Amino acid sequence: MSLWNVPVLCYHGVSDQDMSPQLFESHLQTLKSMGFRTISGQDLFLVVTGARRPGFREVVLTFDDCHLNNWLTAIPLLAEYGFRAVFFAVTDFIQPGESRTKANSPEFLKASDSFRAAIRDGNCEQFMNESEIRSTIHDYGMEVYAHSSSHRPCFCRMEDQGVLHPGSHWGCLGVYGSRWEPGLPEFKIGSAYAFNGYWPVFDGGKLRFRLRTEQSRYEETLDDFRRSLNRIQDVNGLDRQLFCWPWGQFDPVSEMALQEAGFVGAFTLERLPNAFGTSPFRLSRIGVAKDRSSSWLRARLRMHGTVLSSRLFCKRYHHRP
């Protein structure tokens, strides 16, 4: 058994609204100076299933949501430093179109505003389109997998969050749909794949909330995951499809739907070793907040460099109460 762990880093946007390009580049410089080399998601799958031995100082870089700024900022920087990465797309957001440049692209928005525009208006211009995703795969040699069809939210718990206002969590748009309006109650948002959820019912001018059944959740989740797999497979052409959990949340019901849909592995936000014997459905990642310094990154890479140290510093998230 190898001593080496393969840490996986989880990024999101790279822009002045998210992690700045300068800070992100300092992370790449840190990886380079420490002697790390990037491997693919497929390589990691082979490591945990015993078909490949991990090398010294290997790392996987991942990016959730496939924001447009990934295409215009992160990917060119990755290529400049000779690194590869894995991207996860919300497949309903993949639209047709030509690859964009900084000269003809919209101004970058905050991630929350990007989701609001996509859900409320069907405007997915803040996310990578199909041409950009295909170029990421074929021209840059990187990988793109599914992050579900719709990143569907729900009210996971009836914890009072006040009332709806323009700055409310974007997920409330996915819960209320066209009935969203200021003043309606807001509750704790979570993954509609991992929680049955409480759903608004408007009946005779009165609002009540209905708890979805577990069977309904399973059927709706399975449909979402099947659509997502078919869409991403049409783009990446791979037989072995990996997945990334929205919000990092999952439970046995959603895992069963994921496997039934045909996925063979999934990335979480737990901090456990990625080594031979790790379940391919428990590929752990270290979440990288937008203000994390290069010294923070250096420390985390050392903490998770070996299987033993990763176990000592493990952080297991409880995704369901």
C-alpha atoms as a PDB file:
ATOM      1  CA  MET A   1       0.000   0.000   0.000  1.00  0.00           C
ATOM      2  CA  SER A   2       1.321   3.455  -0.922  1.00  0.00           C
ATOM      3  CA  LEU A   3       1.972   6.036   1.774  1.00  0.00           C
ATOM      4  CA  TRP A   4       0.938   8.907  -0.474  1.00  0.00           C
ATOM      5  CA  ASN A   5      -2.442  10.572  -0.320  1.00  0.00           C
ATOM      6  CA  VAL A   6      -3.835  12.473  -3.306  1.00  0.00           C
ATOM      7  CA  PRO A   7      -5.319  15.747  -2.038  1.00  0.00           C
ATOM      8  CA  VAL A   8      -8.117  17.258  -4.107  1.00  0.00           C
ATOM      9  CA  LEU A   9      -8.731  21.011  -4.027  1.00  0.00           C
ATOM     10  CA  CYS A  10     -12.184  22.510  -4.624  1.00  0.00           C
ATOM     11  CA  TYR A  11     -12.353  25.948  -6.251  1.00  0.00           C
ATOM     12  CA  HIS A  12     -15.275  27.899  -7.683  1.00  0.00           C
ATOM     13  CA  GLY A  13     -14.956  31.250  -9.459  1.00  0.00           C
ATOM     14  CA  VAL A  14     -11.746  33.078 -10.343  1.00  0.00           C
ATOM     15  CA  SER A  15     -12.500  36.777 -10.788  1.00  0.00           C
ATOM     16  CA  ASP A  16     -12.566  40.013  -8.832  1.00  0.00           C
ATOM     17  CA  GLN A  17     -15.984  38.882  -7.543  1.00  0.00           C
ATOM     18  CA  ASP A  18     -14.641  35.554  -6.284  1.00  0.00           C
ATOM     19  CA  MET A  19     -11.050  34.418  -5.726  1.00  0.00           C
ATOM     20  CA  SER A  20      -8.933  37.069  -7.407  1.00  0.00           C
ATOM     21  CA  PRO A  21      -6.808  36.005 -10.389  1.00  0.00           C
ATOM     22  CA  GLN A  22      -3.722  37.208  -8.509  1.00  0.00           C
ATOM     23  CA  LEU A  23      -4.473  35.032  -5.487  1.00  0.00           C
ATOM     24  CA  PHE A  24      -5.304  32.047  -7.670  1.00  0.00           C
ATOM     25  CA  GLU A  25      -2.024  32.436  -9.529  1.00  0.00           C
ATOM     26  CA  SER A  26      -0.190  32.492  -6.192  1.00  0.00           C
ATOM     27  CA  HIS A  27      -1.793  29.105  -5.465  1.00  0.00           C
ATOM     28  CA  LEU A  28      -0.462  27.752  -8.750  1.00  0.00           C
ATOM     29  CA  GLN A  29       2.976  29.130  -7.924  1.00  0.00           C
ATOM     30  CA  THR A  30       2.797  27.396  -4.541  1.00  0.00           C
ATOM     31  CA  LEU A  31       1.915  24.073  -6.157  1.00  0.00           C
ATOM     32  CA  LYS A  32       4.761  24.475  -8.618  1.00  0.00           C
ATOM     33  CA  SER A  33       7.323  25.436  -5.952  1.00  0.00           C
ATOM     34  CA  MET A  34       6.323  22.456  -3.779  1.00  0.00           C
ATOM     35  CA  GLY A  35       6.831  20.060  -6.685  1.00  0.00           C
ATOM     36  CA  PHE A  36       3.201  19.023  -7.140  1.00  0.00           C
ATOM     37  CA  ARG A  37       1.908  17.673 -10.418  1.00  0.00           C
ATOM     38  CA  THR A  38      -1.763  17.499 -11.316  1.00  0.00           C
ATOM     39  CA  ILE A  39      -3.480  14.258 -12.252  1.00  0.00           C
ATOM     40  CA  SER A  40      -6.911  13.699 -13.773  1.00  0.00           C
ATOM     41  CA  GLY A  41     -10.131  12.545 -12.185  1.00  0.00           C
ATOM     42  CA  GLN A  42      -9.773   9.319 -14.153  1.00  0.00           C
ATOM     43  CA  ASP A  43      -6.297   8.846 -12.672  1.00  0.00           C
ATOM     44  CA  LEU A  44      -7.708   9.345  -9.178  1.00  0.00           C
ATOM     45  CA  PHE A  45     -10.409   6.752  -9.854  1.00  0.00           C
ATOM     46  CA  LEU A  46      -7.672   4.279 -10.803  1.00  0.00           C
ATOM     47  CA  VAL A  47      -5.747   5.113  -7.614  1.00  0.00           C
ATOM     48  CA  VAL A  48      -8.639   4.421  -5.251  1.00  0.00           C
ATOM     49  CA  THR A  49      -9.624   1.229  -7.086  1.00  0.00           C
ATOM     50  CA  GLY A  50      -6.065  -0.105  -7.009  1.00  0.00           C
ATOM     51  CA  ALA A  51      -5.307   0.072 -10.737  1.00  0.00           C
ATOM     52  CA  ARG A  52      -2.710   2.850 -10.340  1.00  0.00           C
ATOM     53  CA  ARG A  53      -0.172   3.671  -7.642  1.00  0.00           C
ATOM     54  CA  PRO A  54      -0.174   7.315  -6.552  1.00  0.00           C
ATOM     55  CA  GLY A  55       3.022   9.213  -7.134  1.00  0.00           C
ATOM     56  CA  PHE A  56       4.854  11.584  -4.827  1.00  0.00           C
ATOM     57  CA  ARG A  57       3.092  14.949  -4.555  1.00  0.00           C
ATOM     58  CA  GLU A  58       0.189  14.440  -6.912  1.00  0.00           C
ATOM     59  CA  VAL A  59      -2.901  16.635  -6.610  1.00  0.00           C
ATOM     60  CA  VAL A  60      -6.273  17.047  -8.321  1.00  0.00           C
ATOM     61  CA  LEU A  61      -7.646  20.546  -8.938  1.00  0.00           C
ATOM     62  CA  THR A  62     -11.437  20.829  -9.260  1.00  0.00           C
ATOM     63  CA  PHE A  63     -13.794  23.696 -10.097  1.00  0.00           C
ATOM     64  CA  ASP A  64     -17.511  23.591  -9.350  1.00  0.00           C
ATOM     65  CA  ASP A  65     -20.235  25.078 -11.596  1.00  0.00           C
ATOM     66  CA  CYS A  66     -18.203  25.864 -14.768  1.00  0.00           C
ATOM     67  CA  HIS A  67     -18.387  29.632 -14.379  1.00  0.00           C
ATOM     68  CA  LEU A  68     -17.483  31.707 -17.425  1.00  0.00           C
ATOM     69  CA  ASN A  69     -14.532  33.131 -15.496  1.00  0.00           C
ATOM     70  CA  ASN A  70     -13.118  29.596 -15.315  1.00  0.00           C
ATOM     71  CA  TRP A  71     -12.917  29.605 -19.095  1.00  0.00           C
ATOM     72  CA  LEU A  72     -11.520  33.108 -19.478  1.00  0.00           C
ATOM     73  CA  THR A  73      -9.255  33.313 -16.426  1.00  0.00           C
ATOM     74  CA  ALA A  74      -8.593  30.035 -14.611  1.00  0.00           C
ATOM     75  CA  ILE A  75      -7.990  27.777 -17.611  1.00  0.00           C
ATOM     76  CA  PRO A  76      -5.417  30.051 -19.315  1.00  0.00           C
ATOM     77  CA  LEU A  77      -3.533  30.342 -16.006  1.00  0.00           C
ATOM     78  CA  LEU A  78      -3.629  26.579 -15.499  1.00  0.00           C
ATOM     79  CA  ALA A  79      -2.272  26.050 -19.003  1.00  0.00           C
ATOM     80  CA  GLU A  80       0.474  28.615 -18.409  1.00  0.00           C
ATOM     81  CA  TYR A  81       1.709  26.640 -15.391  1.00  0.00           C
ATOM     82  CA  GLY A  82       1.323  23.259 -17.076  1.00  0.00           C
ATOM     83  CA  PHE A  83      -1.497  22.092 -14.800  1.00  0.00           C
ATOM     84  CA  ARG A  84      -4.686  20.184 -15.565  1.00  0.00           C
ATOM     85  CA  ALA A  85      -8.005  20.468 -13.758  1.00  0.00           C
ATOM     86  CA  VAL A  86     -11.437  18.880 -13.449  1.00  0.00           C
ATOM     87  CA  PHE A  87     -14.562  20.999 -13.969  1.00  0.00           C
ATOM     88  CA  PHE A  88     -18.141  20.197 -12.969  1.00  0.00           C
ATOM     89  CA  ALA A  89     -21.012  21.599 -15.040  1.00  0.00           C
ATOM     90  CA  VAL A  90     -24.661  22.100 -14.135  1.00  0.00           C
ATOM     91  CA  THR A  91     -25.790  20.460 -17.347  1.00  0.00           C
ATOM     92  CA  ASP A  92     -29.072  22.377 -17.798  1.00  0.00           C
ATOM     93  CA  PHE A  93     -26.894  25.509 -17.976  1.00  0.00           C
ATOM     94  CA  ILE A  94     -24.841  24.238 -20.952  1.00  0.00           C
ATOM     95  CA  GLN A  95     -26.041  26.339 -23.875  1.00  0.00           C
ATOM     96  CA  PRO A  96     -24.968  26.411 -27.538  1.00  0.00           C
ATOM     97  CA  GLY A  97     -22.700  29.206 -28.694  1.00  0.00           C
ATOM     98  CA  GLU A  98     -19.246  30.139 -29.901  1.00  0.00           C
ATOM     99  CA  SER A  99     -16.279  30.252 -27.547  1.00  0.00           C
ATOM    100  CA  ARG A 100     -15.993  33.719 -26.032  1.00  0.00           C
ATOM    101  CA  THR A 101     -13.032  35.975 -25.359  1.00  0.00           C
ATOM    102  CA  LYS A 102     -12.627  38.717 -22.781  1.00  0.00           C
ATOM    103  CA  ALA A 103     -13.417  41.202 -25.548  1.00  0.00           C
ATOM    104  CA  ASN A 104     -16.906  39.822 -26.275  1.00  0.00           C
ATOM    105  CA  SER A 105     -17.952  38.352 -22.928  1.00  0.00           C
ATOM    106  CA  PRO A 106     -20.334  39.864 -20.358  1.00  0.00           C
ATOM    107  CA  GLU A 107     -19.036  41.418 -17.177  1.00  0.00           C
ATOM    108  CA  PHE A 108     -18.457  38.758 -14.529  1.00  0.00           C
ATOM    109  CA  LEU A 109     -21.112  38.553 -11.820  1.00  0.00           C
ATOM    110  CA  LYS A 110     -20.969  37.097  -8.342  1.00  0.00           C
ATOM    111  CA  ALA A 111     -21.769  33.395  -8.336  1.00  0.00           C
ATOM    112  CA  SER A 112     -25.057  33.991  -6.509  1.00  0.00           C
ATOM    113  CA  ASP A 113     -26.176  36.510  -9.155  1.00  0.00           C
ATOM    114  CA  SER A 114     -25.153  34.095 -11.912  1.00  0.00           C
ATOM    115  CA  PHE A 115     -27.438  31.434 -10.449  1.00  0.00           C
ATOM    116  CA  ARG A 116     -30.258  33.949 -10.019  1.00  0.00           C
ATOM    117  CA  ALA A 117     -30.053  34.928 -13.689  1.00  0.00           C
ATOM    118  CA  ALA A 118     -30.002  31.290 -14.826  1.00  0.00           C
ATOM    119  CA  ILE A 119     -32.928  30.192 -12.656  1.00  0.00           C
ATOM    120  CA  ARG A 120     -35.113  33.304 -12.895  1.00  0.00           C
ATOM    121  CA  ASP A 121     -34.472  34.378 -16.477  1.00  0.00           C
ATOM    122  CA  GLY A 122     -32.965  31.338 -18.181  1.00  0.00           C
ATOM    123  CA  ASN A 123     -29.867  33.479 -18.806  1.00  0.00           C
ATOM    124  CA  CYS A 124     -26.874  31.140 -18.588  1.00  0.00           C
ATOM    125  CA  GLU A 125     -24.276  33.481 -20.100  1.00  0.00           C
ATOM    126  CA  GLN A 126     -22.264  33.477 -16.847  1.00  0.00           C
ATOM    127  CA  PHE A 127     -21.557  29.762 -17.310  1.00  0.00           C
ATOM    128  CA  MET A 128     -19.373  27.984 -19.852  1.00  0.00           C
ATOM    129  CA  ASN A 129     -21.210  27.116 -23.052  1.00  0.00           C
ATOM    130  CA  GLU A 130     -20.879  23.896 -25.016  1.00  0.00           C
ATOM    131  CA  SER A 131     -18.122  25.154 -27.322  1.00  0.00           C
ATOM    132  CA  GLU A 132     -16.067  26.324 -24.358  1.00  0.00           C
ATOM    133  CA  ILE A 133     -16.516  23.027 -22.546  1.00  0.00           C
ATOM    134  CA  ARG A 134     -15.521  21.050 -25.633  1.00  0.00           C
ATOM    135  CA  SER A 135     -12.446  23.235 -26.059  1.00  0.00           C
ATOM    136  CA  THR A 136     -11.558  22.757 -22.389  1.00  0.00           C
ATOM    137  CA  ILE A 137     -11.544  19.008 -23.019  1.00  0.00           C
ATOM    138  CA  HIS A 138     -10.032  18.745 -26.480  1.00  0.00           C
ATOM    139  CA  ASP A 139      -7.758  21.796 -26.714  1.00  0.00           C
ATOM    140  CA  TYR A 140      -6.581  22.057 -23.098  1.00  0.00           C
ATOM    141  CA  GLY A 141      -6.646  18.356 -22.166  1.00  0.00           C
ATOM    142  CA  MET A 142      -8.809  18.880 -19.100  1.00  0.00           C
ATOM    143  CA  GLU A 143     -11.947  17.102 -17.874  1.00  0.00           C
ATOM    144  CA  VAL A 144     -15.555  18.192 -17.458  1.00  0.00           C
ATOM    145  CA  TYR A 145     -18.101  16.107 -15.559  1.00  0.00           C
ATOM    146  CA  ALA A 146     -21.621  16.561 -14.203  1.00  0.00           C
ATOM    147  CA  HIS A 147     -22.687  18.634 -11.212  1.00  0.00           C
ATOM    148  CA  SER A 148     -26.341  17.506 -11.606  1.00  0.00           C
ATOM    149  CA  SER A 149     -28.848  18.809 -14.144  1.00  0.00           C
ATOM    150  CA  SER A 150     -30.147  21.764 -12.155  1.00  0.00           C
ATOM    151  CA  HIS A 151     -28.271  22.112  -8.821  1.00  0.00           C
ATOM    152  CA  ARG A 152     -31.787  21.862  -7.390  1.00  0.00           C
ATOM    153  CA  PRO A 153     -32.365  23.515  -3.992  1.00  0.00           C
ATOM    154  CA  CYS A 154     -34.996  22.958  -1.333  1.00  0.00           C
ATOM    155  CA  PHE A 155     -35.950  24.204   2.105  1.00  0.00           C
ATOM    156  CA  CYS A 156     -34.113  21.417   3.916  1.00  0.00           C
ATOM    157  CA  ARG A 157     -35.166  22.504   7.407  1.00  0.00           C
ATOM    158  CA  MET A 158     -37.827  24.896   8.635  1.00  0.00           C
ATOM    159  CA  GLU A 159     -35.246  27.157  10.239  1.00  0.00           C
ATOM    160  CA  ASP A 160     -36.494  30.723   9.971  1.00  0.00           C
ATOM    161  CA  GLN A 161     -34.268  32.879   7.755  1.00  0.00           C
ATOM    162  CA  GLY A 162     -36.606  35.877   7.674  1.00  0.00           C
ATOM    163  CA  VAL A 163     -38.572  36.878   4.582  1.00  0.00           C
ATOM    164  CA  LEU A 164     -37.673  37.048   0.906  1.00  0.00           C
ATOM    165  CA  HIS A 165     -35.807  40.127  -0.307  1.00  0.00           C
ATOM    166  CA  PRO A 166     -33.536  40.816  -3.316  1.00  0.00           C
ATOM    167  CA  GLY A 167     -30.495  39.504  -1.435  1.00  0.00           C
ATOM    168  CA  SER A 168     -32.116  36.255  -0.294  1.00  0.00           C
ATOM    169  CA  HIS A 169     -30.327  33.012  -1.089  1.00  0.00           C
ATOM    170  CA  TRP A 170     -30.592  32.299  -4.814  1.00  0.00           C
ATOM    171  CA  GLY A 171     -31.949  28.851  -3.995  1.00  0.00           C
ATOM    172  CA  CYS A 172     -35.249  30.423  -2.925  1.00  0.00           C
ATOM    173  CA  LEU A 173     -35.921  31.117  -6.610  1.00  0.00           C
ATOM    174  CA  GLY A 174     -35.641  27.401  -7.267  1.00  0.00           C
ATOM    175  CA  VAL A 175     -38.059  26.617  -4.442  1.00  0.00           C
ATOM    176  CA  TYR A 176     -40.766  29.204  -5.157  1.00  0.00           C
ATOM    177  CA  GLY A 177     -40.303  29.461  -8.917  1.00  0.00           C
ATOM    178  CA  SER A 178     -42.609  32.037 -10.506  1.00  0.00           C
ATOM    179  CA  ARG A 179     -44.374  32.552  -7.151  1.00  0.00           C
ATOM    180  CA  TRP A 180     -41.265  34.172  -5.648  1.00  0.00           C
ATOM    181  CA  GLU A 181     -42.075  37.605  -4.226  1.00  0.00           C
ATOM    182  CA  PRO A 182     -40.728  39.792  -1.415  1.00  0.00           C
ATOM    183  CA  GLY A 183     -42.196  39.069   1.991  1.00  0.00           C
ATOM    184  CA  LEU A 184     -42.693  35.322   1.593  1.00  0.00           C
ATOM    185  CA  PRO A 185     -40.989  33.235   4.290  1.00  0.00           C
ATOM    186  CA  GLU A 186     -37.434  32.026   3.776  1.00  0.00           C
ATOM    187  CA  PHE A 187     -36.020  28.906   5.400  1.00  0.00           C
ATOM    188  CA  LYS A 188     -32.726  26.999   5.424  1.00  0.00           C
ATOM    189  CA  ILE A 189     -31.580  26.067   1.902  1.00  0.00           C
ATOM    190  CA  GLY A 190     -29.993  22.704   1.115  1.00  0.00           C
ATOM    191  CA  SER A 191     -29.757  20.130  -1.651  1.00  0.00           C
ATOM    192  CA  ALA A 192     -33.048  18.804  -3.016  1.00  0.00           C
ATOM    193  CA  TYR A 193     -31.179  15.587  -3.825  1.00  0.00           C
ATOM    194  CA  ALA A 194     -30.092  14.963  -0.220  1.00  0.00           C
ATOM    195  CA  PHE A 195     -33.205  16.211   1.612  1.00  0.00           C
ATOM    196  CA  ASN A 196     -36.896  15.502   1.079  1.00  0.00           C
ATOM    197  CA  GLY A 197     -37.465  19.204   1.577  1.00  0.00           C
ATOM    198  CA  TYR A 198     -40.420  21.383   2.481  1.00  0.00           C
ATOM    199  CA  TRP A 199     -42.196  22.715  -0.581  1.00  0.00           C
ATOM    200  CA  PRO A 200     -44.602  25.672  -0.849  1.00  0.00           C
ATOM    201  CA  VAL A 201     -48.229  24.981  -1.688  1.00  0.00           C
ATOM    202  CA  PHE A 202     -50.514  27.928  -2.477  1.00  0.00           C
ATOM    203  CA  ASP A 203     -54.065  26.917  -1.667  1.00  0.00           C
ATOM    204  CA  GLY A 204     -56.908  29.410  -1.805  1.00  0.00           C
ATOM    205  CA  GLY A 205     -54.608  32.343  -1.194  1.00  0.00           C
ATOM    206  CA  LYS A 206     -52.974  30.644   1.773  1.00  0.00           C
ATOM    207  CA  LEU A 207     -49.424  29.324   1.902  1.00  0.00           C
ATOM    208  CA  ARG A 208     -48.477  26.043   3.510  1.00  0.00           C
ATOM    209  CA  PHE A 209     -45.463  23.747   3.200  1.00  0.00           C
ATOM    210  CA  ARG A 210     -45.560  20.084   2.238  1.00  0.00           C
ATOM    211  CA  LEU A 211     -42.862  17.568   3.155  1.00  0.00           C
ATOM    212  CA  ARG A 212     -41.930  15.569   0.052  1.00  0.00           C
ATOM    213  CA  THR A 213     -41.898  11.789   0.356  1.00  0.00           C
ATOM    214  CA  GLU A 214     -38.631   9.889   0.138  1.00  0.00           C
ATOM    215  CA  GLN A 215     -39.934   7.913  -2.833  1.00  0.00           C
ATOM    216  CA  SER A 216     -40.752  11.111  -4.725  1.00  0.00           C
ATOM    217  CA  ARG A 217     -37.296  12.466  -3.971  1.00  0.00           C
ATOM    218  CA  TYR A 218     -35.671   9.292  -5.244  1.00  0.00           C
ATOM    219  CA  GLU A 219     -37.639   9.349  -8.500  1.00  0.00           C
ATOM    220  CA  GLU A 220     -37.019  13.060  -9.131  1.00  0.00           C
ATOM    221  CA  THR A 221     -33.331  12.750  -8.251  1.00  0.00           C
ATOM    222  CA  LEU A 222     -32.881   9.720 -10.501  1.00  0.00           C
ATOM    223  CA  ASP A 223     -34.491  11.587 -13.397  1.00  0.00           C
ATOM    224  CA  ASP A 224     -32.225  14.606 -12.829  1.00  0.00           C
ATOM    225  CA  PHE A 225     -29.086  12.464 -12.624  1.00  0.00           C
ATOM    226  CA  ARG A 226     -29.954  10.426 -15.711  1.00  0.00           C
ATOM    227  CA  ARG A 227     -30.527  13.575 -17.750  1.00  0.00           C
ATOM    228  CA  SER A 228     -27.291  15.034 -16.431  1.00  0.00           C
ATOM    229  CA  LEU A 229     -25.261  11.931 -17.288  1.00  0.00           C
ATOM    230  CA  ASN A 230     -26.691  11.734 -20.809  1.00  0.00           C
ATOM    231  CA  ARG A 231     -25.979  15.415 -21.457  1.00  0.00           C
ATOM    232  CA  ILE A 232     -22.413  15.403 -20.169  1.00  0.00           C
ATOM    233  CA  GLN A 233     -21.616  12.103 -21.877  1.00  0.00           C
ATOM    234  CA  ASP A 234     -22.666  13.659 -25.166  1.00  0.00           C
ATOM    235  CA  VAL A 235     -20.073  16.381 -24.531  1.00  0.00           C
ATOM    236  CA  ASN A 236     -17.137  14.528 -22.949  1.00  0.00           C
ATOM    237  CA  GLY A 237     -17.638  11.153 -24.665  1.00  0.00           C
ATOM    238  CA  LEU A 238     -16.400   9.146 -21.666  1.00  0.00           C
ATOM    239  CA  ASP A 239     -17.670   5.751 -20.553  1.00  0.00           C
ATOM    240  CA  ARG A 240     -16.598   6.275 -16.928  1.00  0.00           C
ATOM    241  CA  GLN A 241     -18.578   9.234 -15.583  1.00  0.00           C
ATOM    242  CA  LEU A 242     -17.757  10.995 -12.319  1.00  0.00           C
ATOM    243  CA  PHE A 243     -19.998  13.387 -10.379  1.00  0.00           C
ATOM    244  CA  CYS A 244     -19.736  16.219  -7.886  1.00  0.00           C
ATOM    245  CA  TRP A 245     -22.392  16.667  -5.192  1.00  0.00           C
ATOM    246  CA  PRO A 246     -24.098  20.094  -5.150  1.00  0.00           C
ATOM    247  CA  TRP A 247     -23.301  21.738  -1.815  1.00  0.00           C
ATOM    248  CA  GLY A 248     -21.340  18.575  -1.015  1.00  0.00           C
ATOM    249  CA  GLN A 249     -24.561  17.093   0.403  1.00  0.00           C
ATOM    250  CA  PHE A 250     -25.688  13.498  -0.086  1.00  0.00           C
ATOM    251  CA  ASP A 251     -27.376  10.619   1.734  1.00  0.00           C
ATOM    252  CA  PRO A 252     -28.107   6.918   1.011  1.00  0.00           C
ATOM    253  CA  VAL A 253     -31.174   7.754  -1.107  1.00  0.00           C
ATOM    254  CA  SER A 254     -29.324  10.183  -3.366  1.00  0.00           C
ATOM    255  CA  GLU A 255     -26.315   7.846  -3.570  1.00  0.00           C
ATOM    256  CA  MET A 256     -28.585   5.020  -4.694  1.00  0.00           C
ATOM    257  CA  ALA A 257     -30.057   7.259  -7.400  1.00  0.00           C
ATOM    258  CA  LEU A 258     -26.562   8.312  -8.506  1.00  0.00           C
ATOM    259  CA  GLN A 259     -25.407   4.730  -8.931  1.00  0.00           C
ATOM    260  CA  GLU A 260     -28.643   3.710 -10.632  1.00  0.00           C
ATOM    261  CA  ALA A 261     -28.172   6.580 -13.101  1.00  0.00           C
ATOM    262  CA  GLY A 262     -24.813   5.113 -14.114  1.00  0.00           C
ATOM    263  CA  PHE A 263     -22.169   7.251 -12.390  1.00  0.00           C
ATOM    264  CA  VAL A 264     -19.144   5.363 -11.056  1.00  0.00           C
ATOM    265  CA  GLY A 265     -17.746   7.878  -8.568  1.00  0.00           C
ATOM    266  CA  ALA A 266     -18.483  11.133  -6.777  1.00  0.00           C
ATOM    267  CA  PHE A 267     -16.570  14.002  -5.194  1.00  0.00           C
ATOM    268  CA  THR A 268     -17.601  15.159  -1.722  1.00  0.00           C
ATOM    269  CA  LEU A 269     -16.448  17.899   0.658  1.00  0.00           C
ATOM    270  CA  GLU A 270     -15.209  15.518   3.324  1.00  0.00           C
ATOM    271  CA  ARG A 271     -11.525  15.630   4.204  1.00  0.00           C
ATOM    272  CA  LEU A 272     -10.448  12.018   4.260  1.00  0.00           C
ATOM    273  CA  PRO A 273      -7.636  10.185   2.448  1.00  0.00           C
ATOM    274  CA  ASN A 274      -7.864   9.516  -1.285  1.00  0.00           C
ATOM    275  CA  ALA A 275      -5.909   6.285  -1.570  1.00  0.00           C
ATOM    276  CA  PHE A 276      -6.312   2.617  -2.435  1.00  0.00           C
ATOM    277  CA  GLY A 277      -9.429   1.355  -0.659  1.00  0.00           C
ATOM    278  CA  THR A 278     -11.235   4.695  -0.655  1.00  0.00           C
ATOM    279  CA  SER A 279     -14.711   4.296  -2.114  1.00  0.00           C
ATOM    280  CA  PRO A 280     -14.885   5.994  -5.523  1.00  0.00           C
ATOM    281  CA  PHE A 281     -18.131   7.521  -4.233  1.00  0.00           C
ATOM    282  CA  ARG A 282     -16.181   9.168  -1.375  1.00  0.00           C
ATOM    283  CA  LEU A 283     -13.562  11.186  -3.231  1.00  0.00           C
ATOM    284  CA  SER A 284     -12.690  13.801  -0.632  1.00  0.00           C
ATOM    285  CA  ARG A 285     -11.913  17.438  -1.369  1.00  0.00           C
ATOM    286  CA  ILE A 286     -10.511  20.416   0.496  1.00  0.00           C
ATOM    287  CA  GLY A 287     -12.784  23.410  -0.019  1.00  0.00           C
ATOM    288  CA  VAL A 288     -10.804  26.541  -0.910  1.00  0.00           C
ATOM    289  CA  ALA A 289     -12.557  29.746   0.163  1.00  0.00           C
ATOM    290  CA  LYS A 290     -12.005  32.791  -2.012  1.00  0.00           C
ATOM    291  CA  ASP A 291      -9.659  34.511   0.464  1.00  0.00           C
ATOM    292  CA  ARG A 292      -7.426  31.551   1.357  1.00  0.00           C
ATOM    293  CA  SER A 293      -3.758  32.512   1.171  1.00  0.00           C
ATOM    294  CA  SER A 294      -0.933  30.567  -0.419  1.00  0.00           C
ATOM    295  CA  SER A 295       0.468  29.885   3.070  1.00  0.00           C
ATOM    296  CA  TRP A 296      -2.878  28.302   4.023  1.00  0.00           C
ATOM    297  CA  LEU A 297      -2.667  26.156   0.895  1.00  0.00           C
ATOM    298  CA  ARG A 298       0.899  25.130   1.644  1.00  0.00           C
ATOM    299  CA  ALA A 299      -0.105  24.017   5.150  1.00  0.00           C
ATOM    300  CA  ARG A 300      -3.108  21.998   3.902  1.00  0.00           C
ATOM    301  CA  LEU A 301      -1.043  20.237   1.259  1.00  0.00           C
ATOM    302  CA  ARG A 302       1.452  19.191   3.912  1.00  0.00           C
ATOM    303  CA  MET A 303      -1.325  18.060   6.256  1.00  0.00           C
ATOM    304  CA  HIS A 304      -2.863  15.888   3.544  1.00  0.00           C
ATOM    305  CA  GLY A 305       0.311  14.706   1.808  1.00  0.00           C
ATOM    306  CA  THR A 306       0.264  11.174   3.211  1.00  0.00           C
ATOM    307  CA  VAL A 307      -2.513   8.757   4.094  1.00  0.00           C
ATOM    308  CA  LEU A 308      -1.507   8.819   7.774  1.00  0.00           C
ATOM    309  CA  SER A 309      -1.403  12.598   8.107  1.00  0.00           C
ATOM    310  CA  SER A 310      -4.665  12.945   6.195  1.00  0.00           C
ATOM    311  CA  ARG A 311      -6.331  10.592   8.660  1.00  0.00           C
ATOM    312  CA  LEU A 312      -4.930  12.577  11.577  1.00  0.00           C
ATOM    313  CA  PHE A 313      -6.274  15.840  10.177  1.00  0.00           C
ATOM    314  CA  CYS A 314      -9.465  14.403   8.706  1.00  0.00           C
ATOM    315  CA  LYS A 315     -12.638  16.445   8.706  1.00  0.00           C
ATOM    316  CA  ARG A 316     -15.761  14.383   8.239  1.00  0.00           C
ATOM    317  CA  TYR A 317     -18.839  16.378   7.392  1.00  0.00           C
ATOM    318  CA  HIS A 318     -22.234  15.093   8.436  1.00  0.00           C
ATOM    319  CA  HIS A 319     -24.281  15.837   5.359  1.00  0.00           C
ATOM    320  CA  ARG A 320     -27.581  14.765   6.870  1.00  0.00           C
ATOM    321  CA  PRO A 321     -28.844  15.231  10.435  1.00  0.00           C
END
